[in-house]
Every structure is written in C-alpha cells, then in structure tokens.
N, C-alpha and C. Protein backbone atom coordinates (compact mmCIF):
# COMPACT_ATOMS: atom_id res chain seq x y z
N UNK A 1 93.63 68.52 69.89
CA UNK A 1 94.87 67.50 70.37
C UNK A 1 94.45 67.35 71.83
N UNK A 2 94.93 66.74 72.76
CA UNK A 2 94.97 66.20 74.09
C UNK A 2 96.22 65.88 74.40
N UNK A 3 96.68 66.03 75.59
CA UNK A 3 98.18 66.29 76.02
C UNK A 3 97.82 65.17 77.43
N UNK A 4 98.13 64.02 77.09
CA UNK A 4 99.16 62.84 78.00
C UNK A 4 99.74 62.52 78.94
N UNK A 5 100.18 61.69 79.55
CA UNK A 5 101.36 61.80 80.54
C UNK A 5 101.89 60.57 79.94
N UNK A 6 103.00 60.17 79.41
CA UNK A 6 103.34 58.57 79.37
C UNK A 6 104.14 58.32 80.52
N UNK A 7 104.48 56.72 80.66
CA UNK A 7 104.99 56.02 82.11
C UNK A 7 106.22 56.57 82.55
N UNK A 8 106.56 57.25 81.21
CA UNK A 8 107.95 58.10 81.98
C UNK A 8 108.39 59.14 82.50
N UNK A 9 107.12 59.75 82.56
CA UNK A 9 106.75 61.38 83.10
C UNK A 9 106.44 62.38 81.77
N UNK A 10 106.96 61.92 80.50
CA UNK A 10 106.92 62.81 79.36
C UNK A 10 105.72 63.22 79.02
N UNK A 11 105.16 64.31 78.79
CA UNK A 11 103.68 64.67 78.29
C UNK A 11 104.04 64.83 76.49
N UNK A 12 102.91 64.29 75.46
CA UNK A 12 102.69 64.28 74.52
C UNK A 12 101.33 64.24 74.29
N UNK A 13 101.50 65.16 72.70
CA UNK A 13 99.92 65.48 72.74
C UNK A 13 99.41 64.64 71.56
N UNK A 14 98.14 64.04 71.29
CA UNK A 14 97.86 63.37 70.46
C UNK A 14 96.28 64.27 69.74
N UNK A 15 96.31 63.45 68.68
CA UNK A 15 95.27 63.90 67.89
C UNK A 15 93.89 63.02 68.49
N UNK A 16 92.91 63.41 69.25
CA UNK A 16 91.76 62.66 69.68
C UNK A 16 90.66 62.20 68.97
N UNK A 17 90.71 62.90 67.28
CA UNK A 17 89.66 62.40 66.54
C UNK A 17 90.40 60.92 66.24
N UNK A 18 91.62 60.69 66.34
CA UNK A 18 92.57 59.02 66.21
C UNK A 18 92.35 57.93 66.97
N UNK A 19 91.58 58.24 68.35
CA UNK A 19 91.61 57.27 69.11
C UNK A 19 90.19 56.11 68.56
N UNK A 20 90.89 55.33 68.65
CA UNK A 20 89.81 54.01 68.13
C UNK A 20 89.74 53.30 69.77
N UNK A 21 90.14 52.98 70.59
CA UNK A 21 89.81 51.71 71.40
C UNK A 21 90.92 52.62 72.89
N UNK A 22 90.28 52.36 74.09
CA UNK A 22 91.48 52.93 75.36
C UNK A 22 90.96 51.59 76.12
N UNK A 23 92.37 51.05 76.37
CA UNK A 23 92.10 49.87 77.68
C UNK A 23 92.83 49.99 78.58
N UNK A 24 92.14 49.56 79.83
CA UNK A 24 92.86 49.76 80.90
C UNK A 24 93.30 47.76 81.45
N UNK A 25 94.41 47.92 81.61
CA UNK A 25 95.00 46.46 82.19
C UNK A 25 96.62 46.11 82.54
N UNK A 26 96.54 46.57 83.77
CA UNK A 26 96.23 48.22 84.57
C UNK A 26 96.29 49.42 83.91
N UNK A 27 97.43 48.97 83.07
CA UNK A 27 97.83 50.54 82.18
C UNK A 27 96.83 50.69 81.90
N UNK A 28 96.80 51.89 81.20
CA UNK A 28 95.88 52.64 80.15
C UNK A 28 96.87 52.84 78.61
N UNK A 29 95.96 52.30 77.66
CA UNK A 29 96.31 51.58 76.57
C UNK A 29 95.60 52.47 75.62
N UNK A 30 95.96 53.23 74.73
CA UNK A 30 95.61 54.37 73.77
C UNK A 30 95.59 53.54 72.76
N UNK A 31 95.22 53.07 71.90
CA UNK A 31 95.08 52.48 70.44
C UNK A 31 94.35 53.46 69.39
N UNK A 32 95.27 54.01 68.30
CA UNK A 32 94.96 54.83 67.64
C UNK A 32 94.55 54.27 66.09
N UNK A 33 93.72 54.91 64.96
CA UNK A 33 93.16 54.17 63.93
C UNK A 33 94.80 54.15 63.01
N UNK A 34 95.95 54.81 63.56
CA UNK A 34 96.95 54.29 62.55
C UNK A 34 97.58 53.35 62.79
N UNK A 35 97.25 52.32 63.87
CA UNK A 35 97.55 51.66 64.36
C UNK A 35 98.44 51.49 65.73
N UNK A 36 98.98 53.00 65.97
CA UNK A 36 100.05 52.91 66.74
C UNK A 36 98.98 53.16 68.35
N UNK A 37 99.92 52.37 69.46
CA UNK A 37 99.33 52.38 70.70
C UNK A 37 100.22 53.11 71.63
N UNK A 38 99.48 53.90 72.78
CA UNK A 38 100.56 54.54 73.39
C UNK A 38 99.84 54.29 74.92
N UNK A 39 101.08 54.05 75.77
CA UNK A 39 100.66 53.45 77.33
C UNK A 39 100.86 54.69 77.84
N UNK A 40 99.64 55.57 79.04
CA UNK A 40 99.82 56.71 79.59
C UNK A 40 99.26 56.30 80.78
N UNK A 41 99.45 57.03 81.67
CA UNK A 41 99.32 57.31 83.15
C UNK A 41 98.11 57.91 83.27
N UNK A 42 96.95 58.48 82.62
CA UNK A 42 95.81 59.02 82.55
C UNK A 42 94.95 57.57 83.02
N UNK A 43 93.67 57.58 83.40
CA UNK A 43 92.92 56.37 83.78
C UNK A 43 91.99 57.08 82.47
N UNK A 44 91.25 55.97 81.93
CA UNK A 44 90.37 55.96 81.12
C UNK A 44 89.38 56.63 81.47
N UNK A 45 88.80 56.88 82.10
CA UNK A 45 87.88 57.88 82.94
C UNK A 45 88.25 59.45 82.77
N UNK A 46 89.61 59.42 82.99
CA UNK A 46 90.29 60.62 82.78
C UNK A 46 90.60 61.23 81.25
N UNK A 47 90.50 60.43 80.40
CA UNK A 47 90.69 60.03 79.24
C UNK A 47 89.37 60.43 78.50
N UNK A 48 88.56 60.18 78.77
CA UNK A 48 86.82 60.50 78.24
C UNK A 48 86.83 61.92 78.66
N UNK A 49 87.15 62.56 79.73
CA UNK A 49 87.12 63.87 80.03
C UNK A 49 87.36 64.90 78.95
N UNK A 50 89.06 64.47 78.94
CA UNK A 50 90.08 65.09 78.09
C UNK A 50 89.34 65.16 76.60
N UNK A 51 89.14 64.05 75.92
CA UNK A 51 88.44 64.28 74.76
C UNK A 51 87.25 64.70 74.38
N UNK A 52 86.32 64.66 75.51
CA UNK A 52 84.82 65.56 75.71
C UNK A 52 85.12 67.25 75.80
N UNK A 53 86.29 67.38 76.59
CA UNK A 53 86.47 68.94 76.65
C UNK A 53 86.83 69.14 75.04
N UNK A 54 87.98 68.35 74.70
CA UNK A 54 88.60 68.53 73.36
C UNK A 54 87.21 68.81 72.17
N UNK A 55 86.38 68.23 72.30
CA UNK A 55 84.94 68.24 70.99
C UNK A 55 84.50 69.00 71.20
N UNK A 56 84.29 69.56 72.44
CA UNK A 56 83.41 70.94 73.24
C UNK A 56 84.24 72.17 72.25
N UNK A 57 85.68 72.31 72.84
CA UNK A 57 86.26 73.11 71.83
C UNK A 57 86.11 73.15 70.25
N UNK A 58 86.04 72.23 69.85
CA UNK A 58 86.04 72.49 68.21
C UNK A 58 84.40 71.97 67.70
N UNK A 59 83.60 72.35 68.60
CA UNK A 59 82.10 72.29 68.08
C UNK A 59 81.72 70.95 67.66
N UNK A 60 82.47 69.82 68.34
CA UNK A 60 81.96 68.38 67.95
C UNK A 60 80.74 68.41 68.69
N UNK A 61 81.29 67.86 70.13
CA UNK A 61 80.33 67.53 71.51
C UNK A 61 79.03 68.00 71.18
N UNK A 62 78.98 69.27 70.78
CA UNK A 62 77.50 69.79 71.15
C UNK A 62 76.64 69.36 70.12
N UNK A 63 77.23 69.02 68.92
CA UNK A 63 76.32 68.68 67.95
C UNK A 63 75.75 66.77 67.71
N UNK A 64 76.39 66.54 69.16
CA UNK A 64 76.16 64.77 69.04
C UNK A 64 74.74 64.95 70.11
N UNK A 65 75.00 65.95 71.20
CA UNK A 65 73.84 65.95 71.89
C UNK A 65 72.60 66.61 71.42
N UNK A 66 71.51 65.67 71.99
CA UNK A 66 69.85 65.97 71.61
C UNK A 66 69.56 67.42 72.32
N UNK A 67 68.78 68.19 71.55
CA UNK A 67 68.65 69.29 71.71
C UNK A 67 67.27 69.46 72.51
N UNK A 68 67.13 70.17 73.45
CA UNK A 68 65.99 70.01 74.34
C UNK A 68 65.11 71.34 73.84
N UNK A 69 63.74 70.44 73.06
CA UNK A 69 62.75 71.63 72.65
C UNK A 69 61.81 71.84 73.71
N UNK A 70 61.31 73.16 73.55
CA UNK A 70 60.43 73.54 74.34
C UNK A 70 59.05 73.68 73.83
N UNK A 71 58.03 73.37 74.29
CA UNK A 71 56.69 74.17 73.69
C UNK A 71 56.43 75.45 74.01
N UNK A 72 55.97 75.88 72.71
CA UNK A 72 55.60 77.29 72.71
C UNK A 72 54.36 77.32 73.25
N UNK A 73 53.57 78.63 73.21
CA UNK A 73 52.44 78.77 74.16
C UNK A 73 51.14 78.70 73.02
C-alpha cells in the first residue's frame, strides 16, 4: 500500500499493485485495475518513487532488475 494525498488534503492508502495508469492532465489521475480513478496531489514522478519503494519492501522490485554477474578467476 502507498499513501497519497487527495486534492482536498486527505490522505488515502491505495494498493500499488492495482495501479494500471497514471496521467498528469495537469492534475495527477491514478486509474486502478478495478476501474476506480483517484485524483491526487502527488506528481507522476513522485508516485513512481512511492511504488518503487513499496515494491522493494515486498521484494518484487529486486526480482525485476538484472543481476550483475562477475566473472570468476
């Protein structure tokens, strides 16, 4: 879950795994896979950082990154 701020200043937690689309028009609109849309104060780049941080905490982000392999002697 990530915490975002609605335009009226209230905080709400959303499931980051349900985010389908983020638009800036100029308000930031989060579309969820459930069909619900939420307008938030955070920018799209801020949301990206929040989602990446969340994915790291549950171990998903690391699994999607290429691991660097070192050559042996």
